[in-house]
Amino acid sequence: HLMELEKSLRDNPDFLFISVASSGDPNSDEDDPDLRDKTQSFLTEH
């Protein structure tokens, strides 16, 4: 649903959609390649 929203506003220069992916651990420095790889796989799948 958010991807549909983002797509409908993508050409508006006054709007930005910012997607922040998380590992679920609020204490993580989020530099684990596994987070990046799994997030990219999810994006590709969708």
All heavy atoms as atom14 arrays in JSON, in Angstrom:
{
  "sequence": "HLMELEKSLRDNPDFLFISVASSGDPNSDEDDPDLRDKTQSFLTEH",
  "atom14_mask": [
    [1, 1, 1, 1, 1, 1, 1, 1, 1, 1, 0, 0, 0, 0],
    [1, 1, 1, 1, 1, 1, 1, 1, 0, 0, 0, 0, 0, 0],
    [1, 1, 1, 1, 1, 1, 1, 1, 0, 0, 0, 0, 0, 0],
    [1, 1, 1, 1, 1, 1, 1, 1, 1, 0, 0, 0, 0, 0],
    [1, 1, 1, 1, 1, 1, 1, 1, 0, 0, 0, 0, 0, 0],
    [1, 1, 1, 1, 1, 1, 1, 1, 1, 0, 0, 0, 0, 0],
    [1, 1, 1, 1, 1, 1, 1, 1, 1, 0, 0, 0, 0, 0],
    [1, 1, 1, 1, 1, 1, 0, 0, 0, 0, 0, 0, 0, 0],
    [1, 1, 1, 1, 1, 1, 1, 1, 0, 0, 0, 0, 0, 0],
    [1, 1, 1, 1, 1, 1, 1, 1, 1, 1, 1, 0, 0, 0],
    [1, 1, 1, 1, 1, 1, 1, 1, 0, 0, 0, 0, 0, 0],
    [1, 1, 1, 1, 1, 1, 1, 1, 0, 0, 0, 0, 0, 0],
    [1, 1, 1, 1, 1, 1, 1, 0, 0, 0, 0, 0, 0, 0],
    [1, 1, 1, 1, 1, 1, 1, 1, 0, 0, 0, 0, 0, 0],
    [1, 1, 1, 1, 1, 1, 1, 1, 1, 1, 1, 0, 0, 0],
    [1, 1, 1, 1, 1, 1, 1, 1, 0, 0, 0, 0, 0, 0],
    [1, 1, 1, 1, 1, 1, 1, 1, 1, 1, 1, 0, 0, 0],
    [1, 1, 1, 1, 1, 1, 1, 1, 0, 0, 0, 0, 0, 0],
    [1, 1, 1, 1, 1, 1, 0, 0, 0, 0, 0, 0, 0, 0],
    [1, 1, 1, 1, 1, 1, 1, 0, 0, 0, 0, 0, 0, 0],
    [1, 1, 1, 1, 1, 0, 0, 0, 0, 0, 0, 0, 0, 0],
    [1, 1, 1, 1, 1, 1, 0, 0, 0, 0, 0, 0, 0, 0],
    [1, 1, 1, 1, 1, 1, 0, 0, 0, 0, 0, 0, 0, 0],
    [1, 1, 1, 1, 0, 0, 0, 0, 0, 0, 0, 0, 0, 0],
    [1, 1, 1, 1, 1, 1, 1, 1, 0, 0, 0, 0, 0, 0],
    [1, 1, 1, 1, 1, 1, 1, 0, 0, 0, 0, 0, 0, 0],
    [1, 1, 1, 1, 1, 1, 1, 1, 0, 0, 0, 0, 0, 0],
    [1, 1, 1, 1, 1, 1, 0, 0, 0, 0, 0, 0, 0, 0],
    [1, 1, 1, 1, 1, 1, 1, 1, 0, 0, 0, 0, 0, 0],
    [1, 1, 1, 1, 1, 1, 1, 1, 1, 0, 0, 0, 0, 0],
    [1, 1, 1, 1, 1, 1, 1, 1, 0, 0, 0, 0, 0, 0],
    [1, 1, 1, 1, 1, 1, 1, 1, 0, 0, 0, 0, 0, 0],
    [1, 1, 1, 1, 1, 1, 1, 0, 0, 0, 0, 0, 0, 0],
    [1, 1, 1, 1, 1, 1, 1, 1, 0, 0, 0, 0, 0, 0],
    [1, 1, 1, 1, 1, 1, 1, 1, 0, 0, 0, 0, 0, 0],
    [1, 1, 1, 1, 1, 1, 1, 1, 1, 1, 1, 0, 0, 0],
    [1, 1, 1, 1, 1, 1, 1, 1, 0, 0, 0, 0, 0, 0],
    [1, 1, 1, 1, 1, 1, 1, 1, 1, 0, 0, 0, 0, 0],
    [1, 1, 1, 1, 1, 1, 1, 0, 0, 0, 0, 0, 0, 0],
    [1, 1, 1, 1, 1, 1, 1, 1, 1, 0, 0, 0, 0, 0],
    [1, 1, 1, 1, 1, 1, 0, 0, 0, 0, 0, 0, 0, 0],
    [1, 1, 1, 1, 1, 1, 1, 1, 1, 1, 1, 0, 0, 0],
    [1, 1, 1, 1, 1, 1, 1, 1, 0, 0, 0, 0, 0, 0],
    [1, 1, 1, 1, 1, 1, 1, 0, 0, 0, 0, 0, 0, 0],
    [1, 1, 1, 1, 1, 1, 1, 1, 1, 0, 0, 0, 0, 0],
    [1, 1, 1, 1, 1, 1, 1, 1, 1, 1, 0, 0, 0, 0]
  ],
  "atom14_positions": [
    [[0.83, -1.21, 0.0], [0.0, 0.0, 0.0], [0.87, 1.26, 0.0], [0.56, 2.23, -0.69], [-0.92, 0.0, 1.22], [-1.85, -1.18, 1.28], [-2.86, -1.36, 0.36], [-1.9, -2.24, 2.14], [-3.51, -2.48, 0.65], [-2.95, -3.02, 1.72], [0.0, 0.0, 0.0], [0.0, 0.0, 0.0], [0.0, 0.0, 0.0], [0.0, 0.0, 0.0]],
    [[1.97, 1.21, 0.75], [2.86, 2.36, 0.78], [3.61, 2.5, -0.54], [3.9, 3.63, -0.96], [3.85, 2.23, 1.94], [3.27, 2.39, 3.34], [4.38, 2.4, 4.38], [2.43, 3.66, 3.47], [0.0, 0.0, 0.0], [0.0, 0.0, 0.0], [0.0, 0.0, 0.0], [0.0, 0.0, 0.0], [0.0, 0.0, 0.0], [0.0, 0.0, 0.0]],
    [[3.9, 1.38, -1.2], [4.56, 1.47, -2.49], [3.63, 2.1, -3.54], [4.08, 2.86, -4.41], [5.01, 0.09, -2.95], [6.21, -0.46, -2.15], [7.69, 0.59, -2.19], [7.47, 1.53, -0.65], [0.0, 0.0, 0.0], [0.0, 0.0, 0.0], [0.0, 0.0, 0.0], [0.0, 0.0, 0.0], [0.0, 0.0, 0.0], [0.0, 0.0, 0.0]],
    [[2.35, 1.82, -3.44], [1.38, 2.47, -4.34], [1.34, 3.97, -4.06], [1.27, 4.78, -4.99], [0.0, 1.85, -4.14], [-0.13, 0.43, -4.66], [-1.52, -0.14, -4.44], [-2.41, 0.62, -3.99], [-1.72, -1.33, -4.7], [0.0, 0.0, 0.0], [0.0, 0.0, 0.0], [0.0, 0.0, 0.0], [0.0, 0.0, 0.0], [0.0, 0.0, 0.0]],
    [[1.38, 4.31, -2.78], [1.38, 5.72, -2.4], [2.64, 6.41, -2.93], [2.57, 7.51, -3.51], [1.31, 5.82, -0.87], [1.33, 7.23, -0.25], [0.09, 8.0, -0.67], [1.41, 7.13, 1.27], [0.0, 0.0, 0.0], [0.0, 0.0, 0.0], [0.0, 0.0, 0.0], [0.0, 0.0, 0.0], [0.0, 0.0, 0.0], [0.0, 0.0, 0.0]],
    [[3.79, 5.77, -2.74], [5.05, 6.34, -3.2], [5.05, 6.53, -4.71], [5.48, 7.57, -5.22], [6.2, 5.41, -2.78], [7.58, 5.95, -3.09], [8.05, 5.64, -4.5], [7.57, 4.65, -5.09], [8.89, 6.41, -5.02], [0.0, 0.0, 0.0], [0.0, 0.0, 0.0], [0.0, 0.0, 0.0], [0.0, 0.0, 0.0], [0.0, 0.0, 0.0]],
    [[4.55, 5.53, -5.42], [4.54, 5.59, -6.87], [3.67, 6.74, -7.38], [4.02, 7.43, -8.35], [4.04, 4.27, -7.45], [4.13, 4.19, -8.97], [3.7, 2.81, -9.46], [3.81, 2.72, -10.97], [3.4, 1.36, -11.48], [0.0, 0.0, 0.0], [0.0, 0.0, 0.0], [0.0, 0.0, 0.0], [0.0, 0.0, 0.0], [0.0, 0.0, 0.0]],
    [[2.54, 6.98, -6.71], [1.62, 8.03, -7.14], [2.19, 9.43, -6.91], [1.73, 10.39, -7.52], [0.28, 7.89, -6.41], [0.41, 8.22, -5.03], [0.0, 0.0, 0.0], [0.0, 0.0, 0.0], [0.0, 0.0, 0.0], [0.0, 0.0, 0.0], [0.0, 0.0, 0.0], [0.0, 0.0, 0.0], [0.0, 0.0, 0.0], [0.0, 0.0, 0.0]],
    [[3.18, 9.54, -6.03], [3.74, 10.85, -5.7], [5.21, 10.99, -6.14], [5.85, 12.01, -5.86], [3.66, 11.09, -4.19], [2.24, 11.31, -3.64], [2.2, 11.04, -2.14], [1.77, 12.72, -3.94], [0.0, 0.0, 0.0], [0.0, 0.0, 0.0], [0.0, 0.0, 0.0], [0.0, 0.0, 0.0], [0.0, 0.0, 0.0], [0.0, 0.0, 0.0]],
    [[5.71, 10.0, -6.83], [7.14, 9.95, -7.18], [7.59, 11.14, -8.0], [8.74, 11.6, -7.87], [7.42, 8.65, -7.93], [8.89, 8.38, -8.19], [9.06, 7.04, -8.87], [8.56, 5.94, -8.05], [8.41, 4.69, -8.48], [8.7, 4.39, -9.75], [7.97, 3.75, -7.67], [0.0, 0.0, 0.0], [0.0, 0.0, 0.0], [0.0, 0.0, 0.0]],
    [[6.72, 11.66, -8.85], [7.11, 12.76, -9.74], [6.89, 14.14, -9.13], [7.13, 15.15, -9.79], [6.32, 12.66, -11.06], [6.69, 11.41, -11.85], [7.84, 10.94, -11.72], [5.81, 10.89, -12.57], [0.0, 0.0, 0.0], [0.0, 0.0, 0.0], [0.0, 0.0, 0.0], [0.0, 0.0, 0.0], [0.0, 0.0, 0.0], [0.0, 0.0, 0.0]],
    [[6.45, 14.18, -7.89], [6.25, 15.47, -7.23], [7.55, 15.91, -6.56], [8.0, 15.28, -5.6], [5.13, 15.37, -6.19], [4.7, 16.72, -5.65], [5.52, 17.62, -5.46], [3.41, 16.88, -5.39], [0.0, 0.0, 0.0], [0.0, 0.0, 0.0], [0.0, 0.0, 0.0], [0.0, 0.0, 0.0], [0.0, 0.0, 0.0], [0.0, 0.0, 0.0]],
    [[8.18, 16.97, -7.04], [9.49, 17.39, -6.5], [9.41, 17.91, -5.07], [10.46, 18.06, -4.41], [9.93, 18.48, -7.47], [8.64, 19.05, -7.99], [7.72, 17.87, -8.12], [0.0, 0.0, 0.0], [0.0, 0.0, 0.0], [0.0, 0.0, 0.0], [0.0, 0.0, 0.0], [0.0, 0.0, 0.0], [0.0, 0.0, 0.0], [0.0, 0.0, 0.0]],
    [[8.21, 18.19, -4.59], [8.05, 18.74, -3.23], [7.8, 17.66, -2.19], [7.61, 17.97, -1.01], [6.9, 19.74, -3.19], [7.19, 20.97, -4.05], [8.36, 21.4, -4.07], [6.26, 21.47, -4.7], [0.0, 0.0, 0.0], [0.0, 0.0, 0.0], [0.0, 0.0, 0.0], [0.0, 0.0, 0.0], [0.0, 0.0, 0.0], [0.0, 0.0, 0.0]],
    [[7.79, 16.39, -2.62], [7.51, 15.29, -1.7], [8.63, 14.25, -1.74], [9.16, 13.92, -2.79], [6.18, 14.62, -2.05], [5.89, 13.41, -1.2], [5.45, 13.55, 0.11], [6.08, 12.12, -1.69], [5.2, 12.43, 0.91], [5.83, 11.0, -0.91], [5.38, 11.17, 0.41], [0.0, 0.0, 0.0], [0.0, 0.0, 0.0], [0.0, 0.0, 0.0]],
    [[8.95, 13.7, -0.56], [9.93, 12.61, -0.48], [9.35, 11.47, 0.34], [8.73, 11.69, 1.39], [11.22, 13.1, 0.19], [12.15, 13.99, -0.63], [13.31, 14.45, 0.24], [12.67, 13.25, -1.85], [0.0, 0.0, 0.0], [0.0, 0.0, 0.0], [0.0, 0.0, 0.0], [0.0, 0.0, 0.0], [0.0, 0.0, 0.0], [0.0, 0.0, 0.0]],
    [[9.57, 10.25, -0.14], [9.2, 9.04, 0.58], [10.48, 8.42, 1.09], [11.38, 8.1, 0.31], [8.45, 8.07, -0.33], [8.01, 6.81, 0.35], [6.72, 6.69, 0.84], [8.87, 5.72, 0.49], [6.3, 5.53, 1.47], [8.46, 4.56, 1.11], [7.17, 4.46, 1.61], [0.0, 0.0, 0.0], [0.0, 0.0, 0.0], [0.0, 0.0, 0.0]],
    [[10.59, 8.25, 2.41], [11.82, 7.73, 3.01], [11.54, 6.41, 3.7], [10.78, 6.36, 4.68], [12.41, 8.75, 4.0], [12.65, 10.09, 3.29], [13.69, 8.22, 4.61], [13.07, 11.21, 4.22], [0.0, 0.0, 0.0], [0.0, 0.0, 0.0], [0.0, 0.0, 0.0], [0.0, 0.0, 0.0], [0.0, 0.0, 0.0], [0.0, 0.0, 0.0]],
    [[12.14, 5.36, 3.2], [11.93, 4.01, 3.72], [13.12, 3.62, 4.6], [14.26, 3.53, 4.11], [11.78, 3.03, 2.55], [11.61, 1.71, 3.0], [0.0, 0.0, 0.0], [0.0, 0.0, 0.0], [0.0, 0.0, 0.0], [0.0, 0.0, 0.0], [0.0, 0.0, 0.0], [0.0, 0.0, 0.0], [0.0, 0.0, 0.0], [0.0, 0.0, 0.0]],
    [[12.85, 3.39, 5.89], [13.91, 3.06, 6.84], [13.73, 1.62, 7.31], [12.81, 1.31, 8.07], [13.89, 4.02, 8.05], [15.04, 3.7, 9.0], [13.97, 5.47, 7.58], [0.0, 0.0, 0.0], [0.0, 0.0, 0.0], [0.0, 0.0, 0.0], [0.0, 0.0, 0.0], [0.0, 0.0, 0.0], [0.0, 0.0, 0.0], [0.0, 0.0, 0.0]],
    [[14.6, 0.74, 6.84], [14.5, -0.68, 7.18], [15.29, -0.97, 8.45], [16.35, -0.4, 8.69], [15.02, -1.54, 6.03], [0.0, 0.0, 0.0], [0.0, 0.0, 0.0], [0.0, 0.0, 0.0], [0.0, 0.0, 0.0], [0.0, 0.0, 0.0], [0.0, 0.0, 0.0], [0.0, 0.0, 0.0], [0.0, 0.0, 0.0], [0.0, 0.0, 0.0]],
    [[14.75, -1.89, 9.28], [15.36, -2.18, 10.57], [15.52, -3.68, 10.79], [14.75, -4.49, 10.25], [14.5, -1.6, 11.69], [14.96, -2.01, 12.96], [0.0, 0.0, 0.0], [0.0, 0.0, 0.0], [0.0, 0.0, 0.0], [0.0, 0.0, 0.0], [0.0, 0.0, 0.0], [0.0, 0.0, 0.0], [0.0, 0.0, 0.0], [0.0, 0.0, 0.0]],
    [[16.49, -4.03, 11.62], [16.69, -5.43, 12.01], [15.73, -5.84, 13.11], [15.58, -7.03, 13.41], [18.13, -5.62, 12.51], [18.33, -4.88, 13.71], [0.0, 0.0, 0.0], [0.0, 0.0, 0.0], [0.0, 0.0, 0.0], [0.0, 0.0, 0.0], [0.0, 0.0, 0.0], [0.0, 0.0, 0.0], [0.0, 0.0, 0.0], [0.0, 0.0, 0.0]],
    [[15.1, -4.86, 13.76], [14.21, -5.14, 14.87], [14.87, -4.98, 16.23], [14.2, -5.0, 17.26], [0.0, 0.0, 0.0], [0.0, 0.0, 0.0], [0.0, 0.0, 0.0], [0.0, 0.0, 0.0], [0.0, 0.0, 0.0], [0.0, 0.0, 0.0], [0.0, 0.0, 0.0], [0.0, 0.0, 0.0], [0.0, 0.0, 0.0], [0.0, 0.0, 0.0]],
    [[16.18, -4.79, 16.23], [16.93, -4.6, 17.47], [17.25, -3.12, 17.63], [18.1, -2.58, 16.89], [18.22, -5.42, 17.43], [19.07, -5.23, 18.69], [18.64, -4.51, 19.61], [20.17, -5.82, 18.73], [0.0, 0.0, 0.0], [0.0, 0.0, 0.0], [0.0, 0.0, 0.0], [0.0, 0.0, 0.0], [0.0, 0.0, 0.0], [0.0, 0.0, 0.0]],
    [[16.6, -2.42, 18.56], [16.84, -0.98, 18.7], [18.23, -0.61, 19.17], [18.6, 0.56, 19.15], [15.77, -0.56, 19.73], [15.47, -1.79, 20.49], [15.6, -2.92, 19.51], [0.0, 0.0, 0.0], [0.0, 0.0, 0.0], [0.0, 0.0, 0.0], [0.0, 0.0, 0.0], [0.0, 0.0, 0.0], [0.0, 0.0, 0.0], [0.0, 0.0, 0.0]],
    [[19.03, -1.61, 19.58], [20.4, -1.34, 20.02], [21.44, -1.68, 18.96], [22.64, -1.55, 19.2], [20.7, -2.14, 21.3], [19.8, -1.73, 22.45], [19.64, -0.54, 22.73], [19.2, -2.71, 23.13], [0.0, 0.0, 0.0], [0.0, 0.0, 0.0], [0.0, 0.0, 0.0], [0.0, 0.0, 0.0], [0.0, 0.0, 0.0], [0.0, 0.0, 0.0]],
    [[20.97, -2.1, 17.79], [21.89, -2.49, 16.73], [22.43, -1.27, 15.98], [21.74, -0.27, 15.81], [21.17, -3.41, 15.73], [21.97, -3.64, 14.58], [0.0, 0.0, 0.0], [0.0, 0.0, 0.0], [0.0, 0.0, 0.0], [0.0, 0.0, 0.0], [0.0, 0.0, 0.0], [0.0, 0.0, 0.0], [0.0, 0.0, 0.0], [0.0, 0.0, 0.0]],
    [[23.69, -1.39, 15.52], [24.24, -0.31, 14.7], [23.82, -0.47, 13.23], [24.16, 0.36, 12.39], [25.76, -0.24, 14.81], [26.46, -1.55, 14.45], [25.8, -2.43, 13.83], [27.63, -1.72, 14.78], [0.0, 0.0, 0.0], [0.0, 0.0, 0.0], [0.0, 0.0, 0.0], [0.0, 0.0, 0.0], [0.0, 0.0, 0.0], [0.0, 0.0, 0.0]],
    [[23.09, -1.54, 12.94], [22.46, -1.78, 11.63], [23.46, -1.84, 10.47], [23.12, -1.51, 9.34], [21.41, -0.7, 11.34], [20.32, -0.56, 12.4], [19.37, -1.75, 12.49], [19.85, -2.89, 12.58], [18.15, -1.52, 12.49], [0.0, 0.0, 0.0], [0.0, 0.0, 0.0], [0.0, 0.0, 0.0], [0.0, 0.0, 0.0], [0.0, 0.0, 0.0]],
    [[24.7, -2.26, 10.75], [25.67, -2.39, 9.67], [25.87, -3.84, 9.24], [26.83, -4.17, 8.53], [27.01, -1.77, 10.07], [27.69, -2.52, 11.22], [27.04, -3.4, 11.82], [28.86, -2.21, 11.51], [0.0, 0.0, 0.0], [0.0, 0.0, 0.0], [0.0, 0.0, 0.0], [0.0, 0.0, 0.0], [0.0, 0.0, 0.0], [0.0, 0.0, 0.0]],
    [[24.96, -4.71, 9.67], [25.04, -6.13, 9.33], [24.66, -6.32, 7.86], [23.56, -5.94, 7.45], [24.1, -6.93, 10.23], [24.2, -8.44, 10.0], [24.93, -8.85, 9.08], [23.55, -9.18, 10.75], [0.0, 0.0, 0.0], [0.0, 0.0, 0.0], [0.0, 0.0, 0.0], [0.0, 0.0, 0.0], [0.0, 0.0, 0.0], [0.0, 0.0, 0.0]],
    [[25.56, -6.89, 7.04], [25.23, -7.14, 5.64], [23.96, -7.98, 5.47], [23.28, -7.87, 4.44], [26.46, -7.88, 5.11], [27.57, -7.46, 6.02], [26.93, -7.32, 7.37], [0.0, 0.0, 0.0], [0.0, 0.0, 0.0], [0.0, 0.0, 0.0], [0.0, 0.0, 0.0], [0.0, 0.0, 0.0], [0.0, 0.0, 0.0], [0.0, 0.0, 0.0]],
    [[23.65, -8.8, 6.47], [22.46, -9.64, 6.39], [21.19, -8.8, 6.32], [20.25, -9.15, 5.61], [22.39, -10.58, 7.6], [21.32, -11.65, 7.45], [21.35, -12.37, 6.44], [20.46, -11.75, 8.34], [0.0, 0.0, 0.0], [0.0, 0.0, 0.0], [0.0, 0.0, 0.0], [0.0, 0.0, 0.0], [0.0, 0.0, 0.0], [0.0, 0.0, 0.0]],
    [[21.16, -7.68, 7.04], [20.01, -6.78, 6.98], [19.86, -6.2, 5.59], [18.76, -6.17, 5.04], [20.16, -5.65, 8.01], [19.11, -4.53, 7.92], [17.7, -5.07, 8.13], [19.42, -3.43, 8.93], [0.0, 0.0, 0.0], [0.0, 0.0, 0.0], [0.0, 0.0, 0.0], [0.0, 0.0, 0.0], [0.0, 0.0, 0.0], [0.0, 0.0, 0.0]],
    [[20.96, -5.75, 5.02], [20.92, -5.2, 3.68], [20.49, -6.25, 2.66], [19.64, -5.99, 1.8], [22.29, -4.64, 3.3], [22.32, -3.98, 1.91], [23.67, -3.34, 1.62], [24.76, -4.32, 1.64], [25.67, -4.4, 2.6], [25.63, -3.57, 3.63], [26.63, -5.31, 2.55], [0.0, 0.0, 0.0], [0.0, 0.0, 0.0], [0.0, 0.0, 0.0]],
    [[21.04, -7.45, 2.76], [20.72, -8.5, 1.79], [19.26, -8.93, 1.88], [18.59, -9.1, 0.85], [21.64, -9.71, 2.02], [23.09, -9.41, 1.7], [23.35, -8.39, 1.04], [23.95, -10.2, 2.12], [0.0, 0.0, 0.0], [0.0, 0.0, 0.0], [0.0, 0.0, 0.0], [0.0, 0.0, 0.0], [0.0, 0.0, 0.0], [0.0, 0.0, 0.0]],
    [[18.76, -9.11, 3.1], [17.37, -9.54, 3.27], [16.4, -8.44, 2.86], [15.33, -8.71, 2.31], [17.12, -9.99, 4.71], [17.68, -11.37, 5.03], [17.26, -11.83, 6.4], [17.54, -13.32, 6.62], [18.95, -13.66, 6.55], [0.0, 0.0, 0.0], [0.0, 0.0, 0.0], [0.0, 0.0, 0.0], [0.0, 0.0, 0.0], [0.0, 0.0, 0.0]],
    [[16.78, -7.2, 3.14], [15.93, -6.08, 2.72], [15.89, -6.0, 1.21], [14.81, -5.82, 0.62], [16.45, -4.76, 3.31], [16.4, -4.83, 4.75], [15.59, -3.59, 2.85], [0.0, 0.0, 0.0], [0.0, 0.0, 0.0], [0.0, 0.0, 0.0], [0.0, 0.0, 0.0], [0.0, 0.0, 0.0], [0.0, 0.0, 0.0], [0.0, 0.0, 0.0]],
    [[17.05, -6.14, 0.56], [17.09, -6.08, -0.9], [16.3, -7.23, -1.51], [15.6, -7.04, -2.51], [18.54, -6.12, -1.39], [18.67, -5.95, -2.9], [18.07, -4.66, -3.4], [18.55, -3.58, -3.07], [17.0, -4.75, -4.2], [0.0, 0.0, 0.0], [0.0, 0.0, 0.0], [0.0, 0.0, 0.0], [0.0, 0.0, 0.0], [0.0, 0.0, 0.0]],
    [[16.39, -8.41, -0.92], [15.63, -9.56, -1.42], [14.13, -9.29, -1.31], [13.36, -9.64, -2.22], [16.0, -10.82, -0.63], [17.34, -11.19, -0.86], [0.0, 0.0, 0.0], [0.0, 0.0, 0.0], [0.0, 0.0, 0.0], [0.0, 0.0, 0.0], [0.0, 0.0, 0.0], [0.0, 0.0, 0.0], [0.0, 0.0, 0.0], [0.0, 0.0, 0.0]],
    [[13.72, -8.68, -0.2], [12.3, -8.36, 0.0], [11.85, -7.34, -1.05], [10.77, -7.49, -1.64], [12.09, -7.8, 1.41], [10.66, -7.49, 1.74], [9.85, -8.47, 2.3], [10.14, -6.24, 1.51], [8.52, -8.18, 2.61], [8.81, -5.94, 1.81], [8.0, -6.93, 2.36], [0.0, 0.0, 0.0], [0.0, 0.0, 0.0], [0.0, 0.0, 0.0]],
    [[12.67, -6.32, -1.3], [12.33, -5.31, -2.3], [12.22, -5.94, -3.69], [11.3, -5.64, -4.45], [13.39, -4.21, -2.31], [13.53, -3.37, -1.04], [14.72, -2.42, -1.18], [12.26, -2.59, -0.75], [0.0, 0.0, 0.0], [0.0, 0.0, 0.0], [0.0, 0.0, 0.0], [0.0, 0.0, 0.0], [0.0, 0.0, 0.0], [0.0, 0.0, 0.0]],
    [[13.16, -6.81, -4.0], [13.16, -7.47, -5.3], [11.91, -8.34, -5.46], [11.26, -8.34, -6.51], [14.42, -8.33, -5.48], [15.58, -7.49, -5.38], [14.41, -9.03, -6.83], [0.0, 0.0, 0.0], [0.0, 0.0, 0.0], [0.0, 0.0, 0.0], [0.0, 0.0, 0.0], [0.0, 0.0, 0.0], [0.0, 0.0, 0.0], [0.0, 0.0, 0.0]],
    [[11.59, -9.09, -4.41], [10.41, -9.96, -4.45], [9.14, -9.17, -4.7], [8.23, -9.65, -5.4], [10.3, -10.71, -3.12], [9.09, -11.64, -3.03], [8.97, -12.3, -1.67], [9.93, -12.23, -0.89], [7.91, -12.9, -1.41], [0.0, 0.0, 0.0], [0.0, 0.0, 0.0], [0.0, 0.0, 0.0], [0.0, 0.0, 0.0], [0.0, 0.0, 0.0]],
    [[9.08, -7.95, -4.17], [7.88, -7.12, -4.31], [8.0, -6.11, -5.45], [7.17, -5.22, -5.59], [7.58, -6.4, -3.0], [7.08, -7.31, -1.92], [7.93, -8.1, -1.17], [5.82, -7.56, -1.47], [7.22, -8.79, -0.31], [5.95, -8.5, -0.47], [0.0, 0.0, 0.0], [0.0, 0.0, 0.0], [0.0, 0.0, 0.0], [0.0, 0.0, 0.0]]
  ]
}
